[in-house]
Protein backbone atom coordinates (compact mmCIF):
# COMPACT_ATOMS: atom_id res chain seq x y z
CA UNK A 1 67.91 -50.95 52.17
CA UNK A 2 67.67 -53.63 49.52
CA UNK A 3 63.74 -54.60 48.28
CA UNK A 4 63.27 -58.04 47.56
CA UNK A 5 61.76 -59.33 44.07
CA UNK A 6 58.18 -59.76 45.54
CA UNK A 7 58.00 -56.57 47.11
CA UNK A 8 59.49 -54.91 43.82
CA UNK A 9 57.07 -56.48 41.83
CA UNK A 10 54.16 -55.46 44.26
CA UNK A 11 55.64 -51.72 44.44
CA UNK A 12 55.86 -51.29 40.60
CA UNK A 13 52.05 -53.01 40.66
CA UNK A 14 51.51 -49.96 42.93
CA UNK A 15 52.95 -47.30 40.95
CA UNK A 16 51.24 -48.50 37.69
CA UNK A 17 48.00 -47.85 39.63
CA UNK A 18 49.18 -44.61 41.18
CA UNK A 19 49.53 -43.71 37.43
CA UNK A 20 46.43 -44.85 36.11
CA UNK A 21 44.39 -42.95 38.92
CA UNK A 22 46.29 -39.74 38.11
CA UNK A 23 45.25 -40.32 34.31
CA UNK A 24 41.83 -40.73 35.17
CA UNK A 25 41.93 -37.83 37.18
CA UNK A 26 43.31 -35.76 34.31
CA UNK A 27 40.88 -37.36 31.79
CA UNK A 28 38.00 -36.00 33.99
CA UNK A 29 39.12 -32.82 34.70
CA UNK A 30 39.79 -32.12 31.09
CA UNK A 31 35.99 -33.16 30.50
CA UNK A 32 34.82 -30.94 33.20
CA UNK A 33 36.89 -27.85 31.58
CA UNK A 34 35.32 -28.94 28.17
CA UNK A 35 32.16 -28.91 29.54
CA UNK A 36 32.39 -25.82 31.63
CA UNK A 37 33.88 -23.89 28.62
CA UNK A 38 30.99 -24.94 26.16
CA UNK A 39 28.29 -23.84 29.05
CA UNK A 40 30.33 -20.41 29.39
CA UNK A 41 30.07 -20.08 25.32
CA UNK A 42 26.46 -21.08 25.72
CA UNK A 43 26.42 -24.55 24.54
CA UNK A 44 25.95 -27.97 25.75
CA UNK A 45 27.70 -31.14 24.31
CA UNK A 46 25.47 -34.05 25.84
CA UNK A 47 22.42 -31.76 23.80
CA UNK A 48 23.85 -32.63 20.66
CA UNK A 49 24.66 -36.32 21.73
CA UNK A 50 21.04 -38.17 20.08
CA UNK A 51 17.53 -37.66 19.85
CA UNK A 52 15.22 -36.16 22.61
CA UNK A 53 12.92 -37.93 24.79
CA UNK A 54 9.84 -36.43 22.27
CA UNK A 55 11.96 -37.62 19.12
CA UNK A 56 12.60 -33.88 18.07
CA UNK A 57 16.25 -34.82 17.71
CA UNK A 58 19.15 -32.25 18.62
CA UNK A 59 18.34 -29.17 17.17
CA UNK A 60 19.85 -27.85 14.06
CA UNK A 61 23.19 -30.09 15.46
CA UNK A 62 23.48 -27.23 18.13
CA UNK A 63 21.65 -28.24 20.69
CA UNK A 64 21.09 -26.34 23.99
CA UNK A 65 20.46 -26.61 27.47
CA UNK A 66 17.62 -24.39 28.76
CA UNK A 67 19.11 -21.86 30.42
CA UNK A 68 17.74 -19.15 33.09
CA UNK A 69 17.61 -15.93 31.74
CA UNK A 70 19.78 -13.45 33.82
CA UNK A 71 19.23 -9.48 33.83
CA UNK A 72 16.64 -7.78 31.17
CA UNK A 73 15.31 -9.87 28.28
CA UNK A 74 17.23 -9.00 25.26
CA UNK A 75 15.52 -7.07 22.65
CA UNK A 76 16.16 -9.23 20.05
CA UNK A 77 14.02 -12.02 22.17
CA UNK A 78 11.62 -9.33 23.34
CA UNK A 79 11.10 -8.57 19.53
CA UNK A 80 10.67 -12.44 19.03
CA UNK A 81 7.67 -12.67 21.60
CA UNK A 82 5.60 -10.65 19.44
CA UNK A 83 5.80 -12.93 16.22
CA UNK A 84 3.48 -15.67 15.49
CA UNK A 85 4.01 -17.51 12.24
CA UNK A 86 1.97 -20.00 10.20
CA UNK A 87 4.71 -23.06 9.47
CA UNK A 88 4.95 -25.08 6.15
CA UNK A 89 3.64 -28.73 6.32
CA UNK A 90 3.02 -30.69 9.11
CA UNK A 91 6.60 -30.94 10.93
CA UNK A 92 8.52 -27.46 11.53
CA UNK A 93 11.26 -26.67 9.21
CA UNK A 94 14.83 -26.47 10.37
CA UNK A 95 15.02 -22.84 9.65
CA UNK A 96 11.66 -22.43 11.96
CA UNK A 97 12.88 -24.29 14.79
CA UNK A 98 16.27 -22.59 14.27
CA UNK A 99 13.95 -19.46 14.92
CA UNK A 100 12.23 -20.52 17.79
CA UNK A 101 15.73 -21.67 19.54
CA UNK A 102 16.88 -18.16 18.91
CA UNK A 103 14.21 -16.53 20.44
CA UNK A 104 12.90 -14.98 17.39
CA UNK A 105 9.35 -16.68 17.13
CA UNK A 106 6.95 -16.49 20.30
CA UNK A 107 3.91 -18.32 18.61
CA UNK A 108 3.06 -20.63 15.84
CA UNK A 109 -0.57 -20.94 14.66
CA UNK A 110 -1.92 -24.16 13.32
CA UNK A 111 -3.96 -24.81 10.04
CA UNK A 112 -5.58 -27.81 8.51
CA UNK A 113 -2.77 -28.82 6.67
CA UNK A 114 -0.36 -28.64 9.30
CA UNK A 115 -2.92 -31.56 11.40
CA UNK A 116 -1.74 -35.05 10.81
CA UNK A 117 -0.83 -37.80 13.00
CA UNK A 118 2.64 -36.26 13.74
CA UNK A 119 0.95 -33.19 15.20
CA UNK A 120 2.10 -34.10 18.87
CA UNK A 121 5.79 -34.84 17.46
CA UNK A 122 5.65 -31.56 15.49
CA UNK A 123 4.60 -29.57 18.34
CA UNK A 124 7.19 -31.38 20.93
CA UNK A 125 9.65 -30.30 18.70
CA UNK A 126 8.73 -26.68 18.22
CA UNK A 127 8.82 -26.89 22.67
CA UNK A 128 12.16 -28.64 22.41
CA UNK A 129 13.67 -25.87 20.41
CA UNK A 130 12.40 -23.18 22.72
CA UNK A 131 13.40 -24.96 25.53
CA UNK A 132 16.83 -25.55 24.14
CA UNK A 133 17.57 -21.45 23.44
CA UNK A 134 16.23 -20.72 27.01
CA UNK A 135 12.93 -19.45 26.03
CA UNK A 136 9.41 -19.47 27.42
CA UNK A 137 7.05 -22.37 25.91
CA UNK A 138 6.08 -21.54 22.53
CA UNK A 139 2.57 -20.44 21.92
CA UNK A 140 0.54 -23.16 19.81
CA UNK A 141 -2.71 -21.37 18.54
CA UNK A 142 -5.64 -22.76 16.42
CA UNK A 143 -8.68 -21.29 14.98
CA UNK A 144 -11.27 -23.65 17.02
CA UNK A 145 -14.57 -21.97 16.67
CA UNK A 146 -16.68 -25.19 15.80
CA UNK A 147 -18.85 -25.37 12.70
CA UNK A 148 -17.04 -24.48 9.44
CA UNK A 149 -14.02 -22.79 11.20
CA UNK A 150 -12.42 -25.84 12.98
CA UNK A 151 -9.16 -27.16 12.25
CA UNK A 152 -8.88 -30.26 14.32
CA UNK A 153 -12.05 -31.71 12.40
CA UNK A 154 -12.43 -34.43 14.62
CA UNK A 155 -12.28 -32.65 18.01
CA UNK A 156 -14.80 -30.26 20.03
CA UNK A 157 -16.82 -28.41 19.55
CA UNK A 158 -19.76 -30.29 18.35
CA UNK A 159 -21.50 -27.26 17.45
CA UNK A 160 -21.36 -24.03 15.08
CA UNK A 161 -21.79 -21.27 17.69
CA UNK A 162 -24.98 -20.14 15.78
CA UNK A 163 -26.01 -23.47 17.49
CA UNK A 164 -24.72 -22.94 21.02
CA UNK A 165 -26.51 -21.62 24.00
CA UNK A 166 -25.25 -19.95 27.00
CA UNK A 167 -25.39 -23.58 28.91
CA UNK A 168 -24.29 -25.56 25.72
CA UNK A 169 -21.44 -22.82 24.88
CA UNK A 170 -20.00 -23.30 28.53
CA UNK A 171 -19.52 -27.27 28.06
CA UNK A 172 -18.50 -26.76 24.60
CA UNK A 173 -15.65 -24.53 25.61
CA UNK A 174 -14.76 -26.92 28.49
CA UNK A 175 -14.51 -29.75 26.08
CA UNK A 176 -12.52 -27.88 23.61
CA UNK A 177 -10.00 -26.41 26.00
CA UNK A 178 -9.45 -30.13 27.13
CA UNK A 179 -8.85 -31.64 23.77
CA UNK A 180 -6.47 -28.71 22.58
CA UNK A 181 -4.76 -29.30 25.75
CA UNK A 182 -4.04 -32.84 25.64
CA UNK A 183 -2.60 -32.42 22.32
CA UNK A 184 -0.17 -29.66 23.51
CA UNK A 185 -2.29 -26.70 21.80
CA UNK A 186 -2.15 -23.80 24.54
CA UNK A 187 -3.90 -20.82 22.84
CA UNK A 188 -7.53 -21.32 20.79
CA UNK A 189 -8.02 -18.29 18.59
CA UNK A 190 -11.65 -18.25 19.36
CA UNK A 191 -14.68 -17.54 20.21
CA UNK A 192 -16.23 -14.97 17.74
CA UNK A 193 -17.78 -12.42 19.92
CA UNK A 194 -19.20 -10.54 16.52
CA UNK A 195 -22.98 -9.61 16.99
CA UNK A 196 -24.08 -10.74 13.64
CA UNK A 197 -26.40 -7.98 11.58
CA UNK A 198 -26.46 -10.05 8.44
CA UNK A 199 -22.55 -10.31 7.81
CA UNK A 200 -20.32 -12.59 6.02
CA UNK A 201 -19.51 -14.30 9.36
CA UNK A 202 -22.95 -16.48 9.50
CA UNK A 203 -23.16 -19.54 11.97
CA UNK A 204 -19.44 -18.40 13.27
CA UNK A 205 -21.31 -15.85 15.10
CA UNK A 206 -23.68 -16.42 18.22
CA UNK A 207 -26.38 -14.25 17.18
CA UNK A 208 -27.72 -10.90 16.96
CA UNK A 209 -28.34 -9.91 20.22
CA UNK A 210 -25.72 -8.23 21.87
CA UNK A 211 -26.56 -9.96 25.56
CA UNK A 212 -26.86 -13.04 24.30
CA UNK A 213 -23.69 -12.89 22.46
CA UNK A 214 -21.90 -11.96 25.43
CA UNK A 215 -23.08 -14.33 27.60
CA UNK A 216 -22.54 -17.34 25.20
CA UNK A 217 -19.16 -15.95 24.04
CA UNK A 218 -17.99 -15.28 27.59
CA UNK A 219 -19.28 -18.94 28.72
CA UNK A 220 -17.16 -20.22 26.06
CA UNK A 221 -13.77 -18.59 26.93
CA UNK A 222 -14.43 -19.25 30.67
CA UNK A 223 -14.89 -23.07 29.38
CA UNK A 224 -11.76 -22.98 27.21
CA UNK A 225 -9.74 -21.11 29.87
CA UNK A 226 -10.85 -23.64 32.85
CA UNK A 227 -9.49 -26.27 31.05
CA UNK A 228 -6.16 -24.92 30.81
CA UNK A 229 -5.94 -23.11 27.32
CA UNK A 230 -5.93 -19.11 26.45
CA UNK A 231 -8.95 -17.77 24.55
CA UNK A 232 -9.54 -15.22 22.27
CA UNK A 233 -12.13 -12.45 21.50
CA UNK A 234 -12.57 -11.58 18.10
CA UNK A 235 -12.93 -9.73 15.84
CA UNK A 236 -12.73 -6.17 17.91
CA UNK A 237 -14.36 -3.70 17.50
CA UNK A 238 -16.49 -6.12 15.31
CA UNK A 239 -17.52 -7.50 11.56
CA UNK A 240 -21.12 -8.26 12.25
CA UNK A 241 -22.21 -5.48 10.33
CA UNK A 242 -20.24 -5.90 7.09
CA UNK A 243 -20.87 -8.57 4.21
CA UNK A 244 -17.48 -8.34 3.13
CA UNK A 245 -14.60 -10.41 4.35
CA UNK A 246 -11.40 -9.28 5.27
CA UNK A 247 -9.31 -12.05 4.26
CA UNK A 248 -10.52 -11.06 0.85
CA UNK A 249 -9.76 -7.37 0.45
CA UNK A 250 -9.82 -4.37 2.13
CA UNK A 251 -13.06 -3.62 4.14
CA UNK A 252 -14.77 -0.45 5.75
CA UNK A 253 -17.41 -0.76 8.30
CA UNK A 254 -19.82 2.26 7.69
CA UNK A 255 -21.86 2.23 11.01
CA UNK A 256 -22.12 4.80 13.40
CA UNK A 257 -20.05 5.19 17.24
CA UNK A 258 -23.37 4.05 18.81
CA UNK A 259 -23.99 1.26 16.89
CA UNK A 260 -20.40 -0.12 16.95
CA UNK A 261 -20.54 0.39 20.76
CA UNK A 262 -23.72 -1.21 21.24
CA UNK A 263 -22.04 -4.43 19.59
CA UNK A 264 -19.18 -4.39 22.27
CA UNK A 265 -20.77 -6.02 24.86
CA UNK A 266 -18.94 -9.29 24.83
CA UNK A 267 -15.49 -7.32 25.42
CA UNK A 268 -17.36 -5.28 28.27
CA UNK A 269 -18.51 -8.48 29.80
CA UNK A 270 -15.36 -10.49 29.98
CA UNK A 271 -12.87 -8.89 27.71
CA UNK A 272 -11.25 -7.03 30.95
CA UNK A 273 -11.94 -9.37 33.79
CA UNK A 274 -11.43 -12.59 32.16
CA UNK A 275 -10.50 -13.58 28.43
CA UNK A 276 -6.90 -13.38 28.08
CA UNK A 277 -6.40 -12.29 24.47
CA UNK A 278 -8.60 -9.91 21.98
CA UNK A 279 -8.24 -9.95 18.32
CA UNK A 280 -8.21 -7.02 16.16
CA UNK A 281 -10.14 -6.93 13.01
CA UNK A 282 -8.51 -5.86 10.09
CA UNK A 283 -11.08 -3.49 8.68
CA UNK A 284 -11.82 0.38 9.08
CA UNK A 285 -14.10 1.81 11.41
CA UNK A 286 -14.46 5.64 10.18
CA UNK A 287 -16.77 6.14 13.22
CA UNK A 288 -13.38 5.56 15.34
CA UNK A 289 -10.79 5.84 12.89
CA UNK A 290 -11.15 7.18 9.33
CA UNK A 291 -7.63 6.46 7.95
CA UNK A 292 -6.42 3.57 9.61
CA UNK A 293 -7.66 -0.35 9.95
CA UNK A 294 -8.43 -1.60 13.63
CA UNK A 295 -4.82 -2.60 13.86
CA UNK A 296 -2.68 0.27 13.04
CA UNK A 297 -5.37 2.79 15.09
CA UNK A 298 -4.25 4.11 18.39
CA UNK A 299 -7.50 5.19 18.66
CA UNK A 300 -9.09 1.69 18.64
CA UNK A 301 -6.55 -0.55 20.01
CA UNK A 302 -5.21 1.84 23.11
CA UNK A 303 -7.88 4.58 23.50
CA UNK A 304 -10.97 2.42 23.01
CA UNK A 305 -9.74 -1.22 24.17
CA UNK A 306 -7.41 -0.49 26.59
CA UNK A 307 -8.70 3.01 27.74
CA UNK A 308 -12.71 2.95 27.28
CA UNK A 309 -12.93 -0.85 27.89
CA UNK A 310 -9.93 -1.62 30.65
CA UNK A 311 -8.68 -4.93 28.44
CA UNK A 312 -5.33 -5.16 30.20
CA UNK A 313 -4.28 -8.54 28.48
CA UNK A 314 -2.73 -9.60 25.10
CA UNK A 315 -3.87 -7.99 21.96
CA UNK A 316 -3.09 -10.16 18.68
CA UNK A 317 -3.51 -8.88 15.30
CA UNK A 318 -5.74 -10.86 12.30
CA UNK A 319 -3.30 -11.78 9.41
CA UNK A 320 -1.03 -9.12 8.32
CA UNK A 321 -1.00 -10.92 5.02
CA UNK A 322 -4.44 -9.79 4.60
CA UNK A 323 -4.87 -7.69 1.02
CA UNK A 324 -6.57 -5.02 2.65
CA UNK A 325 -3.39 -3.86 4.89
CA UNK A 326 -0.36 -5.83 4.16
CA UNK A 327 2.82 -4.03 3.45
CA UNK A 328 6.43 -3.61 4.40
CA UNK A 329 5.45 -1.39 7.10
CA UNK A 330 2.70 -3.69 9.16
CA UNK A 331 4.74 -4.56 11.92
CA UNK A 332 5.81 -1.00 12.73
CA UNK A 333 2.53 0.35 12.42
CA UNK A 334 0.82 -2.27 14.84
CA UNK A 335 3.32 -1.62 17.42
CA UNK A 336 2.74 1.73 17.08
CA UNK A 337 -0.66 1.37 17.94
CA UNK A 338 -0.10 -0.84 21.05
CA UNK A 339 -0.74 -4.45 19.39
CA UNK A 340 1.22 -7.28 21.43
CA UNK A 341 1.27 -10.13 18.68
CA UNK A 342 1.65 -10.10 15.12
CA UNK A 343 0.31 -13.02 13.26
CA UNK A 344 1.88 -14.09 9.91
CA UNK A 345 0.51 -17.05 7.95
CA UNK A 346 3.68 -17.39 5.98
CA UNK A 347 7.15 -17.75 7.67
CA UNK A 348 9.25 -15.73 5.15
CA UNK A 349 6.74 -12.86 5.95
CA UNK A 350 7.20 -13.40 9.76
CA UNK A 351 11.11 -13.31 9.35
CA UNK A 352 10.77 -10.06 7.57
CA UNK A 353 8.47 -8.87 10.03
CA UNK A 354 10.61 -9.84 12.78
CA UNK A 355 13.77 -8.42 11.26
CA UNK A 356 12.00 -4.87 10.20
CA UNK A 357 10.86 -4.19 13.44
CA UNK A 358 14.09 -5.05 15.25
CA UNK A 359 15.81 -2.51 12.99
CA UNK A 360 12.99 0.18 13.55
CA UNK A 361 13.53 -0.36 17.54
CA UNK A 362 17.46 -0.18 17.35
CA UNK A 363 16.69 2.66 15.33
CA UNK A 364 14.30 4.76 17.41
CA UNK A 365 11.62 4.55 15.11
CA UNK A 366 9.54 2.16 17.38
CA UNK A 367 9.57 2.11 21.34
CA UNK A 368 11.47 -0.38 22.81
CA UNK A 369 9.53 0.47 26.30
CA UNK A 370 6.22 -0.48 24.04
CA UNK A 371 8.15 -3.89 22.88
CA UNK A 372 9.06 -4.70 26.31
CA UNK A 373 5.64 -4.10 27.73
CA UNK A 374 4.41 -6.55 24.89
CA UNK A 375 6.65 -9.07 25.85
CA UNK A 376 5.70 -8.60 29.55
CA UNK A 377 2.23 -9.55 28.94
CA UNK A 378 2.90 -12.51 26.25
CA UNK A 379 5.09 -13.93 28.63
CA UNK A 380 2.27 -13.76 31.57
CA UNK A 381 0.40 -16.37 29.33
CA UNK A 382 -0.48 -19.69 30.74
CA UNK A 383 1.29 -22.36 28.44
């Protein structure tokens, strides 16, 4: 039957509308396919479209959506969990953000030169990079002891440890934890648990009586952790019996095992049951191990700290760039001794440490099981 001109025009309009709907459908299907393809390849086009809410921007032009890790943690990331590095300047470099995104860095330590008005943005950028790579939040650490060692000068504690009592240590710890957490810092490399016997530590120590030091150090740690920040007892098994600073040279603590054990009261009191991290001293303790500095000594890390004292938390080295212990094998030696986190104060050194440890594990020279056990303990830390 013939169609009238009006009906023909309506039919043409209807056909055009159908074609437009089909075209839109094809475009939508194509876009969905592209997104699915990018997701299967590990990317996320939306992540590259502009700055994040925190102002960090797309990570290195290849932003990635946070992904849930399926199956066992890849070895490359298990090794990365162990690396804590300092950073250059007041904002993380592109290379550092890339390493964080890839899971090659699990923690960043901040020093005075890193602290400025843009601190929150710098920390947010690191956390954005971690999230973009499907990693847990980065451990952001500072030495906020009080007194002469306080990286954020305007924040608590308001007293040096030597000026704190058990009561004031608890409140100072709480205030410190709250102030750090408000700025995105989740780990305090404090308190100093060393019992001072005329050492170089001075006011950094809570005093010379092991019981009094234990009471104050444990109270400070409890306050920090009660505010949602990880606390760290240091420097195991003690630097209170030497006048030499391990940051300046090789140190050997010539004290008997009995004397050294008497100073371990803070670790007995709250190390095993409460405080989440313990930092190893860089000194040598001939009474425990005549040949190796503490972070390289299974006798100190595994037998004494974990075995005798029952510590089940996370162990961390002092700086592995110290002149008394620095070498190309520090990452391997500390891991073999049982240390969890490897602390570097130089970005390039931390990258070399990561590569050397990964190669050693792949080559069977370091236990993969030990690395994975460390990664598990580190991942259990609150962020």
